[in-house]
Amino acid sequence: MFRLNKNKTNIIISGGSKGLGKDLVNRFLSKGCNVINLSRRNKNKSDKQLSNYNVNLSSEKKTFQTVKKIKKKYDSINLIICCVGSGKSVPIGKENKKSWDQSFSTNLFTATNLIESYLSVYKYKRTKIILISSIAGSKIIDAPITYSVAKSALNFYGKMKSKNLAKYKINLNIISPGNILQINNIWHKKLKRNNRLIKKYLKKNVPLNSFCNTKQIYDLCFYLLSESGNNITGSNFVIDGGQSL
């Protein structure tokens, strides 16, 4: 079984102050890892194993400056999880330049800026990289067009970049969750409002009739970080109960 080298496993998680990102931060902290959280507004409680950096990752310059600060404290990074994302956008048919810019800035450029800054500052040191995408990036579902296209672009970036980085022994993979159920998130609130309607939705659209949960995503991240993930790169792992079949 793979065991983390406690206090020597350094993990960067972007968007780690809320939602899925915060859950991943807490789970890796519980394993004794050094976790570096990059968020616009850091709400995580102080922890000797946790470093918080306030940064707008959609800014290439600010992202690069932040990664340089990280390098002064952490000589190497074992895992980067790009977890920033938002499905909030205008209704279908109402797209405009502002909505496109916002969606691409949040769902694509926050990841590309972080990865390119890491490669520049750390000089292509060996590491593992995981992009958190969505099934909306590969299947037409009830999601804003701007969000779906941005996630599709993220997926293609990940595929192309993984091939280029393989020669440096840098593994880059993608995780595409379906409907994530987490306390106080959108699906949790929908269930509280109309449990019967949501269960009907699951039965109709998800073959396994189930939500995705954050532990399943964490377990996959842990596996890819482990030695078992050393020969995996360029893959897009779907956790959606079969919804995208």
C-alpha atoms as a PDB file:
ATOM      1  CA  MET A   1       0.000   0.000   0.000  1.00  0.00           C
ATOM      2  CA  PHE A   2       1.289   3.477  -0.854  1.00  0.00           C
ATOM      3  CA  ARG A   3       2.182   5.589   2.162  1.00  0.00           C
ATOM      4  CA  LEU A   4       2.722   9.325   2.097  1.00  0.00           C
ATOM      5  CA  ASN A   5       6.012  10.640   3.404  1.00  0.00           C
ATOM      6  CA  LYS A   6       4.526  12.829   6.123  1.00  0.00           C
ATOM      7  CA  ASN A   7       5.745  16.433   6.323  1.00  0.00           C
ATOM      8  CA  LYS A   8       7.569  15.942   3.021  1.00  0.00           C
ATOM      9  CA  THR A   9       4.615  15.600   0.661  1.00  0.00           C
ATOM     10  CA  ASN A  10       3.859  19.068  -0.696  1.00  0.00           C
ATOM     11  CA  ILE A  11       0.537  19.619  -2.439  1.00  0.00           C
ATOM     12  CA  ILE A  12      -0.816  22.737  -4.158  1.00  0.00           C
ATOM     13  CA  ILE A  13      -4.607  22.964  -4.354  1.00  0.00           C
ATOM     14  CA  SER A  14      -6.186  25.899  -6.139  1.00  0.00           C
ATOM     15  CA  GLY A  15      -9.655  26.931  -4.993  1.00  0.00           C
ATOM     16  CA  GLY A  16      -9.148  25.237  -1.638  1.00  0.00           C
ATOM     17  CA  SER A  17     -11.246  27.594   0.471  1.00  0.00           C
ATOM     18  CA  LYS A  18     -14.665  26.211  -0.356  1.00  0.00           C
ATOM     19  CA  GLY A  19     -16.530  23.327  -1.925  1.00  0.00           C
ATOM     20  CA  LEU A  20     -14.615  20.395  -3.350  1.00  0.00           C
ATOM     21  CA  GLY A  21     -11.283  22.192  -3.028  1.00  0.00           C
ATOM     22  CA  LYS A  22     -11.724  22.755   0.707  1.00  0.00           C
ATOM     23  CA  ASP A  23     -12.659  19.113   1.223  1.00  0.00           C
ATOM     24  CA  LEU A  24      -9.513  17.987  -0.619  1.00  0.00           C
ATOM     25  CA  VAL A  25      -7.398  20.372   1.470  1.00  0.00           C
ATOM     26  CA  ASN A  26      -8.769  18.904   4.699  1.00  0.00           C
ATOM     27  CA  ARG A  27      -8.380  15.298   3.567  1.00  0.00           C
ATOM     28  CA  PHE A  28      -4.739  15.738   2.554  1.00  0.00           C
ATOM     29  CA  LEU A  29      -4.034  17.660   5.762  1.00  0.00           C
ATOM     30  CA  SER A  30      -5.419  14.699   7.716  1.00  0.00           C
ATOM     31  CA  LYS A  31      -2.775  12.554   5.992  1.00  0.00           C
ATOM     32  CA  GLY A  32      -0.009  14.814   7.292  1.00  0.00           C
ATOM     33  CA  CYS A  33       0.745  16.516   3.975  1.00  0.00           C
ATOM     34  CA  ASN A  34       1.926  20.084   3.574  1.00  0.00           C
ATOM     35  CA  VAL A  35      -0.941  21.742   1.704  1.00  0.00           C
ATOM     36  CA  ILE A  36      -0.655  25.043  -0.157  1.00  0.00           C
ATOM     37  CA  ASN A  37      -4.058  26.613  -0.743  1.00  0.00           C
ATOM     38  CA  LEU A  38      -4.396  29.200  -3.511  1.00  0.00           C
ATOM     39  CA  SER A  39      -7.641  31.179  -3.387  1.00  0.00           C
ATOM     40  CA  ARG A  40      -8.921  34.702  -3.810  1.00  0.00           C
ATOM     41  CA  ARG A  41     -10.255  34.661  -0.261  1.00  0.00           C
ATOM     42  CA  ASN A  42      -8.783  32.161   2.141  1.00  0.00           C
ATOM     43  CA  LYS A  43     -11.199  31.029   4.846  1.00  0.00           C
ATOM     44  CA  ASN A  44      -9.321  27.958   6.051  1.00  0.00           C
ATOM     45  CA  LYS A  45      -8.284  27.860   9.694  1.00  0.00           C
ATOM     46  CA  SER A  46      -4.573  28.123  10.399  1.00  0.00           C
ATOM     47  CA  ASP A  47      -2.702  24.841  10.545  1.00  0.00           C
ATOM     48  CA  LYS A  48       1.023  24.217  10.769  1.00  0.00           C
ATOM     49  CA  GLN A  49       0.756  22.032   7.663  1.00  0.00           C
ATOM     50  CA  LEU A  50      -1.340  24.566   5.730  1.00  0.00           C
ATOM     51  CA  SER A  51      -0.081  27.607   3.801  1.00  0.00           C
ATOM     52  CA  ASN A  52      -2.665  30.049   2.429  1.00  0.00           C
ATOM     53  CA  TYR A  53      -1.928  32.411  -0.447  1.00  0.00           C
ATOM     54  CA  ASN A  54      -4.461  34.995  -1.602  1.00  0.00           C
ATOM     55  CA  VAL A  55      -4.223  35.236  -5.383  1.00  0.00           C
ATOM     56  CA  ASN A  56      -6.402  35.779  -8.428  1.00  0.00           C
ATOM     57  CA  LEU A  57      -5.241  32.892 -10.601  1.00  0.00           C
ATOM     58  CA  SER A  58      -6.901  34.346 -13.693  1.00  0.00           C
ATOM     59  CA  SER A  59      -4.058  36.896 -13.638  1.00  0.00           C
ATOM     60  CA  GLU A  60      -0.944  35.431 -15.250  1.00  0.00           C
ATOM     61  CA  LYS A  61       1.355  37.955 -13.546  1.00  0.00           C
ATOM     62  CA  LYS A  62      -0.067  37.493 -10.041  1.00  0.00           C
ATOM     63  CA  THR A  63      -0.017  33.718 -10.395  1.00  0.00           C
ATOM     64  CA  PHE A  64       3.640  33.742 -11.434  1.00  0.00           C
ATOM     65  CA  GLN A  65       4.582  36.003  -8.512  1.00  0.00           C
ATOM     66  CA  THR A  66       2.759  33.722  -6.067  1.00  0.00           C
ATOM     67  CA  VAL A  67       4.467  30.576  -7.361  1.00  0.00           C
ATOM     68  CA  LYS A  68       7.833  32.304  -6.903  1.00  0.00           C
ATOM     69  CA  LYS A  69       6.918  32.926  -3.247  1.00  0.00           C
ATOM     70  CA  ILE A  70       5.964  29.274  -2.846  1.00  0.00           C
ATOM     71  CA  LYS A  71       9.317  28.190  -4.290  1.00  0.00           C
ATOM     72  CA  LYS A  72      11.145  30.035  -1.505  1.00  0.00           C
ATOM     73  CA  LYS A  73       9.388  27.855   1.085  1.00  0.00           C
ATOM     74  CA  TYR A  74       8.908  24.573  -0.785  1.00  0.00           C
ATOM     75  CA  ASP A  75      11.772  23.263  -2.883  1.00  0.00           C
ATOM     76  CA  SER A  76       9.593  20.668  -4.589  1.00  0.00           C
ATOM     77  CA  ILE A  77       5.907  20.009  -5.232  1.00  0.00           C
ATOM     78  CA  ASN A  78       4.545  16.463  -5.339  1.00  0.00           C
ATOM     79  CA  LEU A  79       1.022  17.196  -6.549  1.00  0.00           C
ATOM     80  CA  ILE A  80      -0.920  20.102  -8.047  1.00  0.00           C
ATOM     81  CA  ILE A  81      -4.714  19.947  -8.110  1.00  0.00           C
ATOM     82  CA  CYS A  82      -6.387  22.656 -10.198  1.00  0.00           C
ATOM     83  CA  CYS A  83      -9.796  22.881  -8.569  1.00  0.00           C
ATOM     84  CA  VAL A  84     -11.013  26.394  -9.388  1.00  0.00           C
ATOM     85  CA  GLY A  85     -14.234  26.377 -11.380  1.00  0.00           C
ATOM     86  CA  SER A  86     -17.721  27.790 -11.582  1.00  0.00           C
ATOM     87  CA  GLY A  87     -20.791  26.844 -13.592  1.00  0.00           C
ATOM     88  CA  LYS A  88     -22.433  30.206 -12.984  1.00  0.00           C
ATOM     89  CA  SER A  89     -23.160  31.974 -16.246  1.00  0.00           C
ATOM     90  CA  VAL A  90     -25.924  33.458 -18.357  1.00  0.00           C
ATOM     91  CA  PRO A  91     -28.813  31.307 -19.671  1.00  0.00           C
ATOM     92  CA  ILE A  92     -28.398  29.550 -23.005  1.00  0.00           C
ATOM     93  CA  GLY A  93     -28.968  32.041 -25.795  1.00  0.00           C
ATOM     94  CA  LYS A  94     -27.844  35.021 -23.696  1.00  0.00           C
ATOM     95  CA  GLU A  95     -24.091  34.532 -24.137  1.00  0.00           C
ATOM     96  CA  ASN A  96     -21.966  37.634 -24.691  1.00  0.00           C
ATOM     97  CA  LYS A  97     -18.286  38.551 -24.578  1.00  0.00           C
ATOM     98  CA  LYS A  98     -18.388  39.249 -20.846  1.00  0.00           C
ATOM     99  CA  SER A  99     -19.880  35.848 -20.015  1.00  0.00           C
ATOM    100  CA  TRP A 100     -17.385  34.077 -22.287  1.00  0.00           C
ATOM    101  CA  ASP A 101     -14.453  35.940 -20.741  1.00  0.00           C
ATOM    102  CA  GLN A 102     -15.629  35.196 -17.203  1.00  0.00           C
ATOM    103  CA  SER A 103     -16.143  31.500 -17.846  1.00  0.00           C
ATOM    104  CA  PHE A 104     -12.802  31.004 -19.582  1.00  0.00           C
ATOM    105  CA  SER A 105     -10.959  33.052 -16.945  1.00  0.00           C
ATOM    106  CA  THR A 106     -12.411  30.926 -14.150  1.00  0.00           C
ATOM    107  CA  ASN A 107     -12.542  27.461 -15.706  1.00  0.00           C
ATOM    108  CA  LEU A 108      -9.517  27.481 -18.008  1.00  0.00           C
ATOM    109  CA  PHE A 109      -6.998  30.246 -17.357  1.00  0.00           C
ATOM    110  CA  THR A 110      -6.826  29.688 -13.593  1.00  0.00           C
ATOM    111  CA  ALA A 111      -5.446  26.229 -14.409  1.00  0.00           C
ATOM    112  CA  THR A 112      -3.210  27.123 -17.364  1.00  0.00           C
ATOM    113  CA  ASN A 113      -1.696  30.087 -15.503  1.00  0.00           C
ATOM    114  CA  LEU A 114      -0.875  27.916 -12.486  1.00  0.00           C
ATOM    115  CA  ILE A 115       0.634  25.105 -14.519  1.00  0.00           C
ATOM    116  CA  GLU A 116       2.694  27.361 -16.785  1.00  0.00           C
ATOM    117  CA  SER A 117       3.937  29.366 -13.790  1.00  0.00           C
ATOM    118  CA  TYR A 118       4.917  26.161 -11.987  1.00  0.00           C
ATOM    119  CA  LEU A 119       6.838  24.895 -15.006  1.00  0.00           C
ATOM    120  CA  SER A 120       8.664  28.193 -15.359  1.00  0.00           C
ATOM    121  CA  VAL A 121       9.585  28.610 -11.683  1.00  0.00           C
ATOM    122  CA  TYR A 122      10.319  24.991 -10.791  1.00  0.00           C
ATOM    123  CA  LYS A 123      12.107  24.257 -14.082  1.00  0.00           C
ATOM    124  CA  TYR A 124      10.040  21.206 -15.046  1.00  0.00           C
ATOM    125  CA  LYS A 125      10.655  19.257 -11.832  1.00  0.00           C
ATOM    126  CA  ARG A 126       8.902  15.918 -11.677  1.00  0.00           C
ATOM    127  CA  THR A 127       5.407  16.111 -10.179  1.00  0.00           C
ATOM    128  CA  LYS A 128       1.803  14.998 -10.626  1.00  0.00           C
ATOM    129  CA  ILE A 129      -0.878  17.383 -11.925  1.00  0.00           C
ATOM    130  CA  ILE A 130      -4.645  16.881 -11.804  1.00  0.00           C
ATOM    131  CA  LEU A 131      -7.200  19.083 -13.543  1.00  0.00           C
ATOM    132  CA  ILE A 132     -10.690  19.034 -12.050  1.00  0.00           C
ATOM    133  CA  SER A 133     -13.034  19.321 -15.025  1.00  0.00           C
ATOM    134  CA  SER A 134     -16.664  18.259 -15.503  1.00  0.00           C
ATOM    135  CA  ILE A 135     -18.710  15.889 -17.627  1.00  0.00           C
ATOM    136  CA  ALA A 136     -20.143  19.087 -19.118  1.00  0.00           C
ATOM    137  CA  GLY A 137     -16.869  19.358 -21.014  1.00  0.00           C
ATOM    138  CA  SER A 138     -17.578  16.223 -23.030  1.00  0.00           C
ATOM    139  CA  LYS A 139     -21.351  15.690 -22.905  1.00  0.00           C
ATOM    140  CA  ILE A 140     -24.262  18.005 -23.606  1.00  0.00           C
ATOM    141  CA  ILE A 141     -26.104  18.329 -20.314  1.00  0.00           C
ATOM    142  CA  ASP A 142     -28.143  21.034 -18.632  1.00  0.00           C
ATOM    143  CA  ALA A 143     -25.199  23.395 -18.142  1.00  0.00           C
ATOM    144  CA  PRO A 144     -24.377  26.860 -19.521  1.00  0.00           C
ATOM    145  CA  ILE A 145     -22.723  26.801 -22.945  1.00  0.00           C
ATOM    146  CA  THR A 146     -19.881  29.046 -21.779  1.00  0.00           C
ATOM    147  CA  TYR A 147     -19.079  26.664 -18.903  1.00  0.00           C
ATOM    148  CA  SER A 148     -19.261  23.552 -21.075  1.00  0.00           C
ATOM    149  CA  VAL A 149     -17.009  25.004 -23.785  1.00  0.00           C
ATOM    150  CA  ALA A 150     -14.470  26.254 -21.218  1.00  0.00           C
ATOM    151  CA  LYS A 151     -14.294  22.801 -19.606  1.00  0.00           C
ATOM    152  CA  SER A 152     -13.967  21.200 -23.038  1.00  0.00           C
ATOM    153  CA  ALA A 153     -11.017  23.497 -23.733  1.00  0.00           C
ATOM    154  CA  LEU A 154      -9.518  22.523 -20.363  1.00  0.00           C
ATOM    155  CA  ASN A 155      -9.806  18.850 -21.281  1.00  0.00           C
ATOM    156  CA  PHE A 156      -8.078  19.355 -24.634  1.00  0.00           C
ATOM    157  CA  TYR A 157      -5.357  21.451 -23.008  1.00  0.00           C
ATOM    158  CA  GLY A 158      -4.781  18.659 -20.500  1.00  0.00           C
ATOM    159  CA  LYS A 159      -4.518  16.020 -23.218  1.00  0.00           C
ATOM    160  CA  MET A 160      -2.056  18.005 -25.327  1.00  0.00           C
ATOM    161  CA  LYS A 161       0.010  19.211 -22.359  1.00  0.00           C
ATOM    162  CA  SER A 162       0.314  15.731 -20.865  1.00  0.00           C
ATOM    163  CA  LYS A 163       2.072  14.457 -23.977  1.00  0.00           C
ATOM    164  CA  ASN A 164       4.537  17.340 -23.916  1.00  0.00           C
ATOM    165  CA  LEU A 165       5.272  16.931 -20.192  1.00  0.00           C
ATOM    166  CA  ALA A 166       5.743  13.166 -20.288  1.00  0.00           C
ATOM    167  CA  LYS A 167       9.420  13.519 -21.276  1.00  0.00           C
ATOM    168  CA  TYR A 168      10.001  15.386 -18.003  1.00  0.00           C
ATOM    169  CA  LYS A 169       8.282  12.615 -15.993  1.00  0.00           C
ATOM    170  CA  ILE A 170       5.431  14.976 -15.165  1.00  0.00           C
ATOM    171  CA  ASN A 171       2.069  13.198 -15.099  1.00  0.00           C
ATOM    172  CA  LEU A 172      -1.008  15.245 -15.980  1.00  0.00           C
ATOM    173  CA  ASN A 173      -4.482  13.759 -15.699  1.00  0.00           C
ATOM    174  CA  ILE A 174      -8.060  14.979 -15.639  1.00  0.00           C
ATOM    175  CA  ILE A 175     -10.959  14.131 -13.333  1.00  0.00           C
ATOM    176  CA  SER A 176     -14.457  14.867 -14.646  1.00  0.00           C
ATOM    177  CA  PRO A 177     -17.087  14.576 -11.919  1.00  0.00           C
ATOM    178  CA  GLY A 178     -20.799  14.495 -12.541  1.00  0.00           C
ATOM    179  CA  ASN A 179     -23.276  15.736  -9.932  1.00  0.00           C
ATOM    180  CA  ILE A 180     -21.338  16.262  -6.698  1.00  0.00           C
ATOM    181  CA  LEU A 181     -23.343  16.073  -3.474  1.00  0.00           C
ATOM    182  CA  GLN A 182     -21.759  17.989  -0.604  1.00  0.00           C
ATOM    183  CA  ILE A 183     -23.221  19.663   2.473  1.00  0.00           C
ATOM    184  CA  ASN A 184     -24.692  23.059   1.565  1.00  0.00           C
ATOM    185  CA  ASN A 185     -23.806  22.833  -2.129  1.00  0.00           C
ATOM    186  CA  ILE A 186     -26.365  23.306  -4.915  1.00  0.00           C
ATOM    187  CA  TRP A 187     -27.452  19.646  -5.035  1.00  0.00           C
ATOM    188  CA  HIS A 188     -27.799  19.476  -1.260  1.00  0.00           C
ATOM    189  CA  LYS A 189     -30.081  22.521  -1.356  1.00  0.00           C
ATOM    190  CA  LYS A 190     -32.115  21.078  -4.242  1.00  0.00           C
ATOM    191  CA  LEU A 191     -32.626  17.841  -2.326  1.00  0.00           C
ATOM    192  CA  LYS A 192     -33.867  19.755   0.698  1.00  0.00           C
ATOM    193  CA  ARG A 193     -36.305  21.747  -1.458  1.00  0.00           C
ATOM    194  CA  ASN A 194     -37.688  18.856  -3.486  1.00  0.00           C
ATOM    195  CA  ASN A 195     -36.270  15.454  -2.618  1.00  0.00           C
ATOM    196  CA  ARG A 196     -38.756  13.594  -4.781  1.00  0.00           C
ATOM    197  CA  LEU A 197     -37.991  15.621  -7.907  1.00  0.00           C
ATOM    198  CA  ILE A 198     -34.215  15.180  -7.580  1.00  0.00           C
ATOM    199  CA  LYS A 199     -34.532  11.446  -7.020  1.00  0.00           C
ATOM    200  CA  LYS A 200     -36.661  11.285 -10.153  1.00  0.00           C
ATOM    201  CA  TYR A 201     -33.937  13.208 -12.029  1.00  0.00           C
ATOM    202  CA  LEU A 202     -31.273  10.757 -10.858  1.00  0.00           C
ATOM    203  CA  LYS A 203     -33.329   7.737 -11.831  1.00  0.00           C
ATOM    204  CA  LYS A 204     -33.901   9.133 -15.312  1.00  0.00           C
ATOM    205  CA  ASN A 205     -30.385  10.460 -16.063  1.00  0.00           C
ATOM    206  CA  VAL A 206     -27.875   8.517 -13.945  1.00  0.00           C
ATOM    207  CA  PRO A 207     -27.702   4.736 -14.514  1.00  0.00           C
ATOM    208  CA  LEU A 208     -26.257   4.057 -11.052  1.00  0.00           C
ATOM    209  CA  ASN A 209     -28.898   6.372  -9.574  1.00  0.00           C
ATOM    210  CA  SER A 210     -26.303   8.089  -7.392  1.00  0.00           C
ATOM    211  CA  PHE A 211     -24.436  11.312  -6.758  1.00  0.00           C
ATOM    212  CA  CYS A 212     -20.686  11.700  -6.867  1.00  0.00           C
ATOM    213  CA  ASN A 213     -19.111  12.527  -3.502  1.00  0.00           C
ATOM    214  CA  THR A 214     -15.899  14.300  -2.558  1.00  0.00           C
ATOM    215  CA  LYS A 215     -14.275  11.209  -1.014  1.00  0.00           C
ATOM    216  CA  GLN A 216     -14.456   9.412  -4.355  1.00  0.00           C
ATOM    217  CA  ILE A 217     -12.603  12.304  -5.992  1.00  0.00           C
ATOM    218  CA  TYR A 218     -10.041  12.408  -3.170  1.00  0.00           C
ATOM    219  CA  ASP A 219      -9.450   8.648  -3.406  1.00  0.00           C
ATOM    220  CA  LEU A 220      -8.713   8.990  -7.118  1.00  0.00           C
ATOM    221  CA  CYS A 221      -6.370  11.935  -6.497  1.00  0.00           C
ATOM    222  CA  PHE A 222      -4.557   9.875  -3.853  1.00  0.00           C
ATOM    223  CA  TYR A 223      -4.241   6.935  -6.244  1.00  0.00           C
ATOM    224  CA  LEU A 224      -2.785   9.129  -9.001  1.00  0.00           C
ATOM    225  CA  LEU A 225      -0.320  10.620  -6.494  1.00  0.00           C
ATOM    226  CA  SER A 226       0.794   7.173  -5.418  1.00  0.00           C
ATOM    227  CA  GLU A 227       3.308   4.940  -7.178  1.00  0.00           C
ATOM    228  CA  SER A 228       0.372   3.177  -8.838  1.00  0.00           C
ATOM    229  CA  GLY A 229      -0.246   6.365 -10.814  1.00  0.00           C
ATOM    230  CA  ASN A 230       3.293   6.661 -12.143  1.00  0.00           C
ATOM    231  CA  ASN A 231       2.392   5.126 -15.504  1.00  0.00           C
ATOM    232  CA  ILE A 232      -0.840   7.079 -16.005  1.00  0.00           C
ATOM    233  CA  THR A 233      -0.932  10.345 -17.912  1.00  0.00           C
ATOM    234  CA  GLY A 234      -3.292  12.096 -20.305  1.00  0.00           C
ATOM    235  CA  SER A 235      -6.318  10.226 -18.958  1.00  0.00           C
ATOM    236  CA  ASN A 236      -9.729  11.694 -18.209  1.00  0.00           C
ATOM    237  CA  PHE A 237     -11.347   9.866 -15.297  1.00  0.00           C
ATOM    238  CA  VAL A 238     -15.131  10.209 -15.178  1.00  0.00           C
ATOM    239  CA  ILE A 239     -16.988   9.855 -11.878  1.00  0.00           C
ATOM    240  CA  ASP A 240     -20.643  10.388 -12.693  1.00  0.00           C
ATOM    241  CA  GLY A 241     -22.611   7.208 -11.991  1.00  0.00           C
ATOM    242  CA  GLY A 242     -22.781   6.539 -15.726  1.00  0.00           C
ATOM    243  CA  GLN A 243     -24.538   9.792 -16.652  1.00  0.00           C
ATOM    244  CA  SER A 244     -22.261  10.494 -19.598  1.00  0.00           C
ATOM    245  CA  LEU A 245     -22.683   7.023 -21.148  1.00  0.00           C
END
